[in-house]
Amino acid sequence: MSDIELDPPAPEPPPVPPQGEPSPPQRRGSIAAGIGLAWLIMILGHLLLMPFRAATFLPIPELLVGVAAAVFYAKGIPRTGQGLLLGLASLLAVALLLVAACFGLLFSGGFR
């Protein structure tokens, strides 16, 4: 007779997961820690630059926050990197609000 099989082949059993200790969860970081770290870098950076009059208004601490965010992303801790960028955005928002408040006081005659 011929070699034709009428029955379909039996499916293979699913692979058995390796026994042993489960791997620890991957560290992803914390957004709150990133925001706090951004504020800390900015405040301490500008305080340390105050004695150097020429460097007081350079955006060195802001660049350090960006570099720190890139480092955290590269190390596989993305939530802390996101927190650093959110912290930088919150610092810029506070600065914008302070400038707007001072502008409003100046032009409304509130600085008498």
PDB file of N, CA and C in Angstrom:
ATOM      1  N   MET A   1       0.816  -1.177   0.000  1.00  0.00           N
ATOM      2  CA  MET A   1       0.000   0.000   0.000  1.00  0.00           C
ATOM      3  C   MET A   1       0.864   1.247   0.000  1.00  0.00           C
ATOM      4  N   SER A   2       0.187   2.375   0.067  1.00  0.00           N
ATOM      5  CA  SER A   2       0.949   3.626   0.008  1.00  0.00           C
ATOM      6  C   SER A   2       1.297   4.102   1.421  1.00  0.00           C
ATOM      7  N   ASP A   3       2.173   5.109   1.471  1.00  0.00           N
ATOM      8  CA  ASP A   3       2.625   5.655   2.761  1.00  0.00           C
ATOM      9  C   ASP A   3       1.817   6.882   3.179  1.00  0.00           C
ATOM     10  N   ILE A   4       0.604   7.036   2.771  1.00  0.00           N
ATOM     11  CA  ILE A   4      -0.215   8.208   3.112  1.00  0.00           C
ATOM     12  C   ILE A   4      -0.860   7.954   4.472  1.00  0.00           C
ATOM     13  N   GLU A   5      -0.694   8.956   5.368  1.00  0.00           N
ATOM     14  CA  GLU A   5      -1.308   8.865   6.693  1.00  0.00           C
ATOM     15  C   GLU A   5      -2.611   9.634   6.692  1.00  0.00           C
ATOM     16  N   LEU A   6      -3.631   9.055   7.203  1.00  0.00           N
ATOM     17  CA  LEU A   6      -4.928   9.702   7.241  1.00  0.00           C
ATOM     18  C   LEU A   6      -5.136  10.502   8.518  1.00  0.00           C
ATOM     19  N   ASP A   7      -4.454  10.158   9.573  1.00  0.00           N
ATOM     20  CA  ASP A   7      -4.585  10.877  10.833  1.00  0.00           C
ATOM     21  C   ASP A   7      -3.577  12.033  10.876  1.00  0.00           C
ATOM     22  N   PRO A   8      -4.016  13.219  11.353  1.00  0.00           N
ATOM     23  CA  PRO A   8      -3.062  14.335  11.473  1.00  0.00           C
ATOM     24  C   PRO A   8      -2.075  14.038  12.595  1.00  0.00           C
ATOM     25  N   PRO A   9      -0.886  14.612  12.519  1.00  0.00           N
ATOM     26  CA  PRO A   9       0.094  14.371  13.591  1.00  0.00           C
ATOM     27  C   PRO A   9      -0.382  15.002  14.896  1.00  0.00           C
ATOM     28  N   ALA A  10      -0.027  14.376  15.986  1.00  0.00           N
ATOM     29  CA  ALA A  10      -0.414  14.874  17.305  1.00  0.00           C
ATOM     30  C   ALA A  10       0.374  16.153  17.602  1.00  0.00           C
ATOM     31  N   PRO A  11      -0.282  17.158  18.192  1.00  0.00           N
ATOM     32  CA  PRO A  11       0.433  18.405  18.507  1.00  0.00           C
ATOM     33  C   PRO A  11       1.473  18.156  19.602  1.00  0.00           C
ATOM     34  N   GLU A  12       2.542  18.948  19.516  1.00  0.00           N
ATOM     35  CA  GLU A  12       3.596  18.820  20.532  1.00  0.00           C
ATOM     36  C   GLU A  12       3.119  19.460  21.829  1.00  0.00           C
ATOM     37  N   PRO A  13       3.535  18.902  22.949  1.00  0.00           N
ATOM     38  CA  PRO A  13       3.120  19.508  24.222  1.00  0.00           C
ATOM     39  C   PRO A  13       3.775  20.891  24.369  1.00  0.00           C
ATOM     40  N   PRO A  14       3.118  21.813  25.096  1.00  0.00           N
ATOM     41  CA  PRO A  14       3.701  23.152  25.275  1.00  0.00           C
ATOM     42  C   PRO A  14       5.014  23.055  26.040  1.00  0.00           C
ATOM     43  N   PRO A  15       5.929  23.972  25.782  1.00  0.00           N
ATOM     44  CA  PRO A  15       7.217  23.919  26.488  1.00  0.00           C
ATOM     45  C   PRO A  15       7.031  24.159  27.980  1.00  0.00           C
ATOM     46  N   VAL A  16       7.789  23.456  28.748  1.00  0.00           N
ATOM     47  CA  VAL A  16       7.731  23.557  30.195  1.00  0.00           C
ATOM     48  C   VAL A  16       8.665  24.691  30.623  1.00  0.00           C
ATOM     49  N   PRO A  17       8.160  25.656  31.412  1.00  0.00           N
ATOM     50  CA  PRO A  17       9.048  26.733  31.855  1.00  0.00           C
ATOM     51  C   PRO A  17      10.131  26.167  32.774  1.00  0.00           C
ATOM     52  N   PRO A  18      11.320  26.752  32.749  1.00  0.00           N
ATOM     53  CA  PRO A  18      12.397  26.239  33.598  1.00  0.00           C
ATOM     54  C   PRO A  18      12.053  26.402  35.070  1.00  0.00           C
ATOM     55  N   GLN A  19      12.356  25.396  35.823  1.00  0.00           N
ATOM     56  CA  GLN A  19      12.104  25.424  37.256  1.00  0.00           C
ATOM     57  C   GLN A  19      13.253  26.149  37.948  1.00  0.00           C
ATOM     58  N   GLY A  20      12.943  26.778  39.022  1.00  0.00           N
ATOM     59  CA  GLY A  20      13.966  27.498  39.776  1.00  0.00           C
ATOM     60  C   GLY A  20      13.371  28.796  40.301  1.00  0.00           C
ATOM     61  N   GLU A  21      14.252  29.674  40.721  1.00  0.00           N
ATOM     62  CA  GLU A  21      13.803  30.943  41.274  1.00  0.00           C
ATOM     63  C   GLU A  21      13.316  31.851  40.159  1.00  0.00           C
ATOM     64  N   PRO A  22      12.207  32.539  40.381  1.00  0.00           N
ATOM     65  CA  PRO A  22      11.755  33.486  39.367  1.00  0.00           C
ATOM     66  C   PRO A  22      12.703  34.679  39.313  1.00  0.00           C
ATOM     67  N   SER A  23      12.838  35.242  38.129  1.00  0.00           N
ATOM     68  CA  SER A  23      13.743  36.387  38.003  1.00  0.00           C
ATOM     69  C   SER A  23      13.135  37.589  38.712  1.00  0.00           C
ATOM     70  N   PRO A  24      13.966  38.415  39.328  1.00  0.00           N
ATOM     71  CA  PRO A  24      13.441  39.579  40.041  1.00  0.00           C
ATOM     72  C   PRO A  24      12.851  40.573  39.037  1.00  0.00           C
ATOM     73  N   PRO A  25      11.866  41.344  39.458  1.00  0.00           N
ATOM     74  CA  PRO A  25      11.272  42.318  38.543  1.00  0.00           C
ATOM     75  C   PRO A  25      12.306  43.366  38.125  1.00  0.00           C
ATOM     76  N   GLN A  26      12.178  43.808  36.883  1.00  0.00           N
ATOM     77  CA  GLN A  26      13.143  44.770  36.362  1.00  0.00           C
ATOM     78  C   GLN A  26      12.912  46.136  36.995  1.00  0.00           C
ATOM     79  N   ARG A  27      14.003  46.785  37.349  1.00  0.00           N
ATOM     80  CA  ARG A  27      13.954  48.104  37.959  1.00  0.00           C
ATOM     81  C   ARG A  27      13.584  49.137  36.895  1.00  0.00           C
ATOM     82  N   ARG A  28      12.546  49.897  37.133  1.00  0.00           N
ATOM     83  CA  ARG A  28      12.116  50.901  36.153  1.00  0.00           C
ATOM     84  C   ARG A  28      12.273  52.310  36.676  1.00  0.00           C
ATOM     85  N   GLY A  29      12.503  52.471  37.972  1.00  0.00           N
ATOM     86  CA  GLY A  29      12.691  53.797  38.540  1.00  0.00           C
ATOM     87  C   GLY A  29      11.390  54.392  39.033  1.00  0.00           C
ATOM     88  N   SER A  30      11.463  55.676  39.370  1.00  0.00           N
ATOM     89  CA  SER A  30      10.321  56.375  39.935  1.00  0.00           C
ATOM     90  C   SER A  30      10.237  57.769  39.320  1.00  0.00           C
ATOM     91  N   ILE A  31       9.049  58.158  38.906  1.00  0.00           N
ATOM     92  CA  ILE A  31       8.865  59.487  38.336  1.00  0.00           C
ATOM     93  C   ILE A  31       9.080  60.551  39.409  1.00  0.00           C
ATOM     94  N   ALA A  32       8.582  60.298  40.619  1.00  0.00           N
ATOM     95  CA  ALA A  32       8.745  61.272  41.704  1.00  0.00           C
ATOM     96  C   ALA A  32      10.221  61.477  42.043  1.00  0.00           C
ATOM     97  N   ALA A  33      10.990  60.414  42.037  1.00  0.00           N
ATOM     98  CA  ALA A  33      12.421  60.554  42.296  1.00  0.00           C
ATOM     99  C   ALA A  33      13.100  61.379  41.207  1.00  0.00           C
ATOM    100  N   GLY A  34      12.668  61.202  39.977  1.00  0.00           N
ATOM    101  CA  GLY A  34      13.225  61.981  38.878  1.00  0.00           C
ATOM    102  C   GLY A  34      12.902  63.458  39.006  1.00  0.00           C
ATOM    103  N   ILE A  35      11.667  63.774  39.385  1.00  0.00           N
ATOM    104  CA  ILE A  35      11.284  65.179  39.560  1.00  0.00           C
ATOM    105  C   ILE A  35      12.089  65.807  40.691  1.00  0.00           C
ATOM    106  N   GLY A  36      12.200  65.090  41.803  1.00  0.00           N
ATOM    107  CA  GLY A  36      12.996  65.607  42.922  1.00  0.00           C
ATOM    108  C   GLY A  36      14.459  65.778  42.562  1.00  0.00           C
ATOM    109  N   LEU A  37      14.988  64.839  41.811  1.00  0.00           N
ATOM    110  CA  LEU A  37      16.383  64.933  41.389  1.00  0.00           C
ATOM    111  C   LEU A  37      16.598  66.116  40.458  1.00  0.00           C
ATOM    112  N   ALA A  38      15.638  66.384  39.581  1.00  0.00           N
ATOM    113  CA  ALA A  38      15.747  67.535  38.680  1.00  0.00           C
ATOM    114  C   ALA A  38      15.764  68.841  39.471  1.00  0.00           C
ATOM    115  N   TRP A  39      14.873  68.968  40.444  1.00  0.00           N
ATOM    116  CA  TRP A  39      14.865  70.170  41.278  1.00  0.00           C
ATOM    117  C   TRP A  39      16.170  70.301  42.066  1.00  0.00           C
ATOM    118  N   LEU A  40      16.666  69.193  42.585  1.00  0.00           N
ATOM    119  CA  LEU A  40      17.920  69.229  43.351  1.00  0.00           C
ATOM    120  C   LEU A  40      19.089  69.648  42.471  1.00  0.00           C
ATOM    121  N   ILE A  41      19.184  69.085  41.275  1.00  0.00           N
ATOM    122  CA  ILE A  41      20.270  69.451  40.362  1.00  0.00           C
ATOM    123  C   ILE A  41      20.189  70.935  40.010  1.00  0.00           C
ATOM    124  N   MET A  42      18.988  71.418  39.739  1.00  0.00           N
ATOM    125  CA  MET A  42      18.830  72.819  39.345  1.00  0.00           C
ATOM    126  C   MET A  42      19.182  73.767  40.482  1.00  0.00           C
ATOM    127  N   ILE A  43      18.658  73.513  41.675  1.00  0.00           N
ATOM    128  CA  ILE A  43      18.904  74.426  42.797  1.00  0.00           C
ATOM    129  C   ILE A  43      20.368  74.403  43.191  1.00  0.00           C
ATOM    130  N   LEU A  44      20.922  73.212  43.386  1.00  0.00           N
ATOM    131  CA  LEU A  44      22.335  73.139  43.776  1.00  0.00           C
ATOM    132  C   LEU A  44      23.257  73.642  42.668  1.00  0.00           C
ATOM    133  N   GLY A  45      22.923  73.376  41.427  1.00  0.00           N
ATOM    134  CA  GLY A  45      23.742  73.844  40.311  1.00  0.00           C
ATOM    135  C   GLY A  45      23.815  75.353  40.259  1.00  0.00           C
ATOM    136  N   HIS A  46      22.676  76.005  40.414  1.00  0.00           N
ATOM    137  CA  HIS A  46      22.688  77.469  40.369  1.00  0.00           C
ATOM    138  C   HIS A  46      23.321  78.060  41.622  1.00  0.00           C
ATOM    139  N   LEU A  47      23.166  77.407  42.768  1.00  0.00           N
ATOM    140  CA  LEU A  47      23.837  77.898  43.976  1.00  0.00           C
ATOM    141  C   LEU A  47      25.361  77.783  43.852  1.00  0.00           C
ATOM    142  N   LEU A  48      25.810  76.693  43.242  1.00  0.00           N
ATOM    143  CA  LEU A  48      27.252  76.523  43.067  1.00  0.00           C
ATOM    144  C   LEU A  48      27.824  77.468  42.004  1.00  0.00           C
ATOM    145  N   LEU A  49      26.999  77.905  41.073  1.00  0.00           N
ATOM    146  CA  LEU A  49      27.463  78.822  40.033  1.00  0.00           C
ATOM    147  C   LEU A  49      27.394  80.287  40.455  1.00  0.00           C
ATOM    148  N   MET A  50      26.755  80.587  41.567  1.00  0.00           N
ATOM    149  CA  MET A  50      26.621  81.981  41.998  1.00  0.00           C
ATOM    150  C   MET A  50      27.952  82.701  42.208  1.00  0.00           C
ATOM    151  N   PRO A  51      28.966  82.087  42.795  1.00  0.00           N
ATOM    152  CA  PRO A  51      30.230  82.824  42.971  1.00  0.00           C
ATOM    153  C   PRO A  51      30.888  83.221  41.639  1.00  0.00           C
ATOM    154  N   PHE A  52      30.588  82.535  40.584  1.00  0.00           N
ATOM    155  CA  PHE A  52      31.162  82.844  39.278  1.00  0.00           C
ATOM    156  C   PHE A  52      30.149  83.696  38.519  1.00  0.00           C
ATOM    157  N   ARG A  53      30.347  85.000  38.562  1.00  0.00           N
ATOM    158  CA  ARG A  53      29.364  85.931  37.986  1.00  0.00           C
ATOM    159  C   ARG A  53      29.100  85.651  36.510  1.00  0.00           C
ATOM    160  N   ALA A  54      30.120  85.293  35.762  1.00  0.00           N
ATOM    161  CA  ALA A  54      29.943  85.088  34.323  1.00  0.00           C
ATOM    162  C   ALA A  54      29.118  83.839  34.031  1.00  0.00           C
ATOM    163  N   ALA A  55      29.159  82.855  34.913  1.00  0.00           N
ATOM    164  CA  ALA A  55      28.472  81.585  34.665  1.00  0.00           C
ATOM    165  C   ALA A  55      27.107  81.504  35.351  1.00  0.00           C
ATOM    166  N   THR A  56      26.685  82.571  36.027  1.00  0.00           N
ATOM    167  CA  THR A  56      25.434  82.516  36.785  1.00  0.00           C
ATOM    168  C   THR A  56      24.233  82.251  35.895  1.00  0.00           C
ATOM    169  N   PHE A  57      24.188  82.855  34.719  1.00  0.00           N
ATOM    170  CA  PHE A  57      23.008  82.723  33.865  1.00  0.00           C
ATOM    171  C   PHE A  57      23.204  81.736  32.716  1.00  0.00           C
ATOM    172  N   LEU A  58      24.273  80.960  32.771  1.00  0.00           N
ATOM    173  CA  LEU A  58      24.449  79.918  31.761  1.00  0.00           C
ATOM    174  C   LEU A  58      23.531  78.735  32.088  1.00  0.00           C
ATOM    175  N   PRO A  59      23.022  78.045  31.099  1.00  0.00           N
ATOM    176  CA  PRO A  59      22.087  76.936  31.357  1.00  0.00           C
ATOM    177  C   PRO A  59      22.801  75.617  31.677  1.00  0.00           C
ATOM    178  N   ILE A  60      23.844  75.678  32.481  1.00  0.00           N
ATOM    179  CA  ILE A  60      24.601  74.464  32.793  1.00  0.00           C
ATOM    180  C   ILE A  60      23.766  73.464  33.598  1.00  0.00           C
ATOM    181  N   PRO A  61      23.066  73.883  34.665  1.00  0.00           N
ATOM    182  CA  PRO A  61      22.246  72.889  35.393  1.00  0.00           C
ATOM    183  C   PRO A  61      21.130  72.287  34.543  1.00  0.00           C
ATOM    184  N   GLU A  62      20.562  73.082  33.652  1.00  0.00           N
ATOM    185  CA  GLU A  62      19.512  72.553  32.779  1.00  0.00           C
ATOM    186  C   GLU A  62      20.076  71.478  31.853  1.00  0.00           C
ATOM    187  N   LEU A  63      21.279  71.719  31.350  1.00  0.00           N
ATOM    188  CA  LEU A  63      21.919  70.710  30.506  1.00  0.00           C
ATOM    189  C   LEU A  63      22.253  69.451  31.304  1.00  0.00           C
ATOM    190  N   LEU A  64      22.653  69.629  32.568  1.00  0.00           N
ATOM    191  CA  LEU A  64      22.938  68.461  33.410  1.00  0.00           C
ATOM    192  C   LEU A  64      21.692  67.614  33.633  1.00  0.00           C
ATOM    193  N   VAL A  65      20.535  68.264  33.769  1.00  0.00           N
ATOM    194  CA  VAL A  65      19.285  67.509  33.927  1.00  0.00           C
ATOM    195  C   VAL A  65      19.012  66.688  32.663  1.00  0.00           C
ATOM    196  N   GLY A  66      19.226  67.287  31.503  1.00  0.00           N
ATOM    197  CA  GLY A  66      19.030  66.560  30.245  1.00  0.00           C
ATOM    198  C   GLY A  66      19.991  65.393  30.095  1.00  0.00           C
ATOM    199  N   VAL A  67      21.248  65.609  30.484  1.00  0.00           N
ATOM    200  CA  VAL A  67      22.239  64.531  30.407  1.00  0.00           C
ATOM    201  C   VAL A  67      21.884  63.414  31.390  1.00  0.00           C
ATOM    202  N   ALA A  68      21.452  63.794  32.590  1.00  0.00           N
ATOM    203  CA  ALA A  68      21.059  62.779  33.585  1.00  0.00           C
ATOM    204  C   ALA A  68      19.867  61.964  33.086  1.00  0.00           C
ATOM    205  N   ALA A  69      18.907  62.626  32.423  1.00  0.00           N
ATOM    206  CA  ALA A  69      17.759  61.900  31.876  1.00  0.00           C
ATOM    207  C   ALA A  69      18.213  60.900  30.816  1.00  0.00           C
ATOM    208  N   ALA A  70      19.144  61.310  29.955  1.00  0.00           N
ATOM    209  CA  ALA A  70      19.662  60.403  28.920  1.00  0.00           C
ATOM    210  C   ALA A  70      20.393  59.221  29.547  1.00  0.00           C
ATOM    211  N   VAL A  71      21.133  59.479  30.622  1.00  0.00           N
ATOM    212  CA  VAL A  71      21.865  58.403  31.301  1.00  0.00           C
ATOM    213  C   VAL A  71      20.888  57.403  31.914  1.00  0.00           C
ATOM    214  N   PHE A  72      19.831  57.901  32.542  1.00  0.00           N
ATOM    215  CA  PHE A  72      18.855  56.996  33.147  1.00  0.00           C
ATOM    216  C   PHE A  72      18.129  56.175  32.083  1.00  0.00           C
ATOM    217  N   TYR A  73      17.819  56.800  30.942  1.00  0.00           N
ATOM    218  CA  TYR A  73      17.206  56.040  29.849  1.00  0.00           C
ATOM    219  C   TYR A  73      18.157  54.964  29.346  1.00  0.00           C
ATOM    220  N   ALA A  74      19.437  55.293  29.209  1.00  0.00           N
ATOM    221  CA  ALA A  74      20.417  54.340  28.693  1.00  0.00           C
ATOM    222  C   ALA A  74      20.632  53.179  29.662  1.00  0.00           C
ATOM    223  N   LYS A  75      20.509  53.430  30.965  1.00  0.00           N
ATOM    224  CA  LYS A  75      20.697  52.370  31.960  1.00  0.00           C
ATOM    225  C   LYS A  75      19.467  51.484  32.102  1.00  0.00           C
ATOM    226  N   GLY A  76      18.389  51.831  31.419  1.00  0.00           N
ATOM    227  CA  GLY A  76      17.180  51.010  31.516  1.00  0.00           C
ATOM    228  C   GLY A  76      16.286  51.395  32.670  1.00  0.00           C
ATOM    229  N   ILE A  77      16.363  52.641  33.109  1.00  0.00           N
ATOM    230  CA  ILE A  77      15.502  53.137  34.184  1.00  0.00           C
ATOM    231  C   ILE A  77      14.689  54.298  33.606  1.00  0.00           C
ATOM    232  N   PRO A  78      13.716  53.979  32.760  1.00  0.00           N
ATOM    233  CA  PRO A  78      13.053  55.040  32.003  1.00  0.00           C
ATOM    234  C   PRO A  78      12.143  55.943  32.831  1.00  0.00           C
ATOM    235  N   ARG A  79      11.555  55.425  33.890  1.00  0.00           N
ATOM    236  CA  ARG A  79      10.622  56.264  34.656  1.00  0.00           C
ATOM    237  C   ARG A  79      11.351  57.390  35.374  1.00  0.00           C
ATOM    238  N   THR A  80      12.556  57.144  35.850  1.00  0.00           N
ATOM    239  CA  THR A  80      13.327  58.220  36.471  1.00  0.00           C
ATOM    240  C   THR A  80      13.748  59.236  35.414  1.00  0.00           C
ATOM    241  N   GLY A  81      14.097  58.767  34.219  1.00  0.00           N
ATOM    242  CA  GLY A  81      14.415  59.685  33.127  1.00  0.00           C
ATOM    243  C   GLY A  81      13.225  60.552  32.757  1.00  0.00           C
ATOM    244  N   GLN A  82      12.030  59.956  32.724  1.00  0.00           N
ATOM    245  CA  GLN A  82      10.824  60.733  32.455  1.00  0.00           C
ATOM    246  C   GLN A  82      10.581  61.744  33.567  1.00  0.00           C
ATOM    247  N   GLY A  83      10.836  61.333  34.797  1.00  0.00           N
ATOM    248  CA  GLY A  83      10.671  62.252  35.930  1.00  0.00           C
ATOM    249  C   GLY A  83      11.626  63.430  35.846  1.00  0.00           C
ATOM    250  N   LEU A  84      12.853  63.177  35.395  1.00  0.00           N
ATOM    251  CA  LEU A  84      13.802  64.277  35.232  1.00  0.00           C
ATOM    252  C   LEU A  84      13.304  65.275  34.191  1.00  0.00           C
ATOM    253  N   LEU A  85      12.775  64.775  33.091  1.00  0.00           N
ATOM    254  CA  LEU A  85      12.260  65.675  32.059  1.00  0.00           C
ATOM    255  C   LEU A  85      11.009  66.410  32.545  1.00  0.00           C
ATOM    256  N   LEU A  86      10.152  65.731  33.298  1.00  0.00           N
ATOM    257  CA  LEU A  86       8.986  66.404  33.876  1.00  0.00           C
ATOM    258  C   LEU A  86       9.407  67.448  34.908  1.00  0.00           C
ATOM    259  N   GLY A  87      10.444  67.145  35.675  1.00  0.00           N
ATOM    260  CA  GLY A  87      10.960  68.118  36.642  1.00  0.00           C
ATOM    261  C   GLY A  87      11.521  69.348  35.955  1.00  0.00           C
ATOM    262  N   LEU A  88      12.208  69.143  34.849  1.00  0.00           N
ATOM    263  CA  LEU A  88      12.725  70.275  34.083  1.00  0.00           C
ATOM    264  C   LEU A  88      11.568  71.118  33.539  1.00  0.00           C
ATOM    265  N   ALA A  89      10.535  70.458  33.042  1.00  0.00           N
ATOM    266  CA  ALA A  89       9.369  71.184  32.541  1.00  0.00           C
ATOM    267  C   ALA A  89       8.675  71.945  33.670  1.00  0.00           C
ATOM    268  N   SER A  90       8.589  71.353  34.863  1.00  0.00           N
ATOM    269  CA  SER A  90       7.941  72.043  35.977  1.00  0.00           C
ATOM    270  C   SER A  90       8.760  73.251  36.427  1.00  0.00           C
ATOM    271  N   LEU A  91      10.083  73.134  36.376  1.00  0.00           N
ATOM    272  CA  LEU A  91      10.924  74.279  36.725  1.00  0.00           C
ATOM    273  C   LEU A  91      10.753  75.413  35.718  1.00  0.00           C
ATOM    274  N   LEU A  92      10.665  75.072  34.454  1.00  0.00           N
ATOM    275  CA  LEU A  92      10.442  76.100  33.439  1.00  0.00           C
ATOM    276  C   LEU A  92       9.059  76.724  33.606  1.00  0.00           C
ATOM    277  N   ALA A  93       8.063  75.961  33.979  1.00  0.00           N
ATOM    278  CA  ALA A  93       6.719  76.494  34.203  1.00  0.00           C
ATOM    279  C   ALA A  93       6.698  77.450  35.391  1.00  0.00           C
ATOM    280  N   VAL A  94       7.400  77.104  36.473  1.00  0.00           N
ATOM    281  CA  VAL A  94       7.473  77.992  37.636  1.00  0.00           C
ATOM    282  C   VAL A  94       8.175  79.291  37.257  1.00  0.00           C
ATOM    283  N   ALA A  95       9.246  79.193  36.485  1.00  0.00           N
ATOM    284  CA  ALA A  95       9.950  80.407  36.050  1.00  0.00           C
ATOM    285  C   ALA A  95       9.036  81.283  35.186  1.00  0.00           C
ATOM    286  N   LEU A  96       8.281  80.674  34.293  1.00  0.00           N
ATOM    287  CA  LEU A  96       7.355  81.429  33.453  1.00  0.00           C
ATOM    288  C   LEU A  96       6.289  82.119  34.297  1.00  0.00           C
ATOM    289  N   LEU A  97       5.758  81.422  35.285  1.00  0.00           N
ATOM    290  CA  LEU A  97       4.748  82.026  36.149  1.00  0.00           C
ATOM    291  C   LEU A  97       5.321  83.178  36.972  1.00  0.00           C
ATOM    292  N   LEU A  98       6.557  83.053  37.446  1.00  0.00           N
ATOM    293  CA  LEU A  98       7.182  84.149  38.195  1.00  0.00           C
ATOM    294  C   LEU A  98       7.402  85.368  37.312  1.00  0.00           C
ATOM    295  N   VAL A  99       7.843  85.150  36.095  1.00  0.00           N
ATOM    296  CA  VAL A  99       8.044  86.266  35.166  1.00  0.00           C
ATOM    297  C   VAL A  99       6.705  86.933  34.865  1.00  0.00           C
ATOM    298  N   ALA A 100       5.668  86.154  34.640  1.00  0.00           N
ATOM    299  CA  ALA A 100       4.351  86.720  34.348  1.00  0.00           C
ATOM    300  C   ALA A 100       3.810  87.507  35.542  1.00  0.00           C
ATOM    301  N   ALA A 101       4.012  87.004  36.747  1.00  0.00           N
ATOM    302  CA  ALA A 101       3.542  87.716  37.941  1.00  0.00           C
ATOM    303  C   ALA A 101       4.289  89.040  38.123  1.00  0.00           C
ATOM    304  N   CYS A 102       5.589  89.013  37.936  1.00  0.00           N
ATOM    305  CA  CYS A 102       6.366  90.256  38.066  1.00  0.00           C
ATOM    306  C   CYS A 102       5.984  91.255  36.975  1.00  0.00           C
ATOM    307  N   PHE A 103       5.749  90.772  35.764  1.00  0.00           N
ATOM    308  CA  PHE A 103       5.330  91.636  34.666  1.00  0.00           C
ATOM    309  C   PHE A 103       3.981  92.273  34.992  1.00  0.00           C
ATOM    310  N   GLY A 104       3.066  91.490  35.515  1.00  0.00           N
ATOM    311  CA  GLY A 104       1.757  92.018  35.889  1.00  0.00           C
ATOM    312  C   GLY A 104       1.851  93.046  36.996  1.00  0.00           C
ATOM    313  N   LEU A 105       2.688  92.806  37.995  1.00  0.00           N
ATOM    314  CA  LEU A 105       2.869  93.775  39.073  1.00  0.00           C
ATOM    315  C   LEU A 105       3.519  95.057  38.572  1.00  0.00           C
ATOM    316  N   LEU A 106       4.450  94.939  37.676  1.00  0.00           N
ATOM    317  CA  LEU A 106       5.174  96.100  37.160  1.00  0.00           C
ATOM    318  C   LEU A 106       4.245  97.015  36.373  1.00  0.00           C
ATOM    319  N   PHE A 107       3.406  96.436  35.523  1.00  0.00           N
ATOM    320  CA  PHE A 107       2.556  97.253  34.674  1.00  0.00           C
ATOM    321  C   PHE A 107       1.227  97.625  35.331  1.00  0.00           C
ATOM    322  N   SER A 108       0.911  97.087  36.472  1.00  0.00           N
ATOM    323  CA  SER A 108      -0.304  97.510  37.172  1.00  0.00           C
ATOM    324  C   SER A 108       0.019  98.531  38.259  1.00  0.00           C
ATOM    325  N   GLY A 109       1.290  98.850  38.415  1.00  0.00           N
ATOM    326  CA  GLY A 109       1.679  99.844  39.422  1.00  0.00           C
ATOM    327  C   GLY A 109       1.810  99.264  40.804  1.00  0.00           C
ATOM    328  N   GLY A 110       2.004  97.975  40.925  1.00  0.00           N
ATOM    329  CA  GLY A 110       2.094  97.331  42.237  1.00  0.00           C
ATOM    330  C   GLY A 110       3.460  97.424  42.885  1.00  0.00           C
ATOM    331  N   PHE A 111       4.454  97.999  42.228  1.00  0.00           N
ATOM    332  CA  PHE A 111       5.802  98.070  42.801  1.00  0.00           C
ATOM    333  C   PHE A 111       6.087  99.444  43.423  1.00  0.00           C
ATOM    334  N   ARG A 112       5.104 100.186  43.864  1.00  0.00           N
ATOM    335  CA  ARG A 112       5.337 101.536  44.395  1.00  0.00           C
ATOM    336  C   ARG A 112       6.073 101.503  45.672  1.00  0.00           C
TER     337      ARG A 112
END
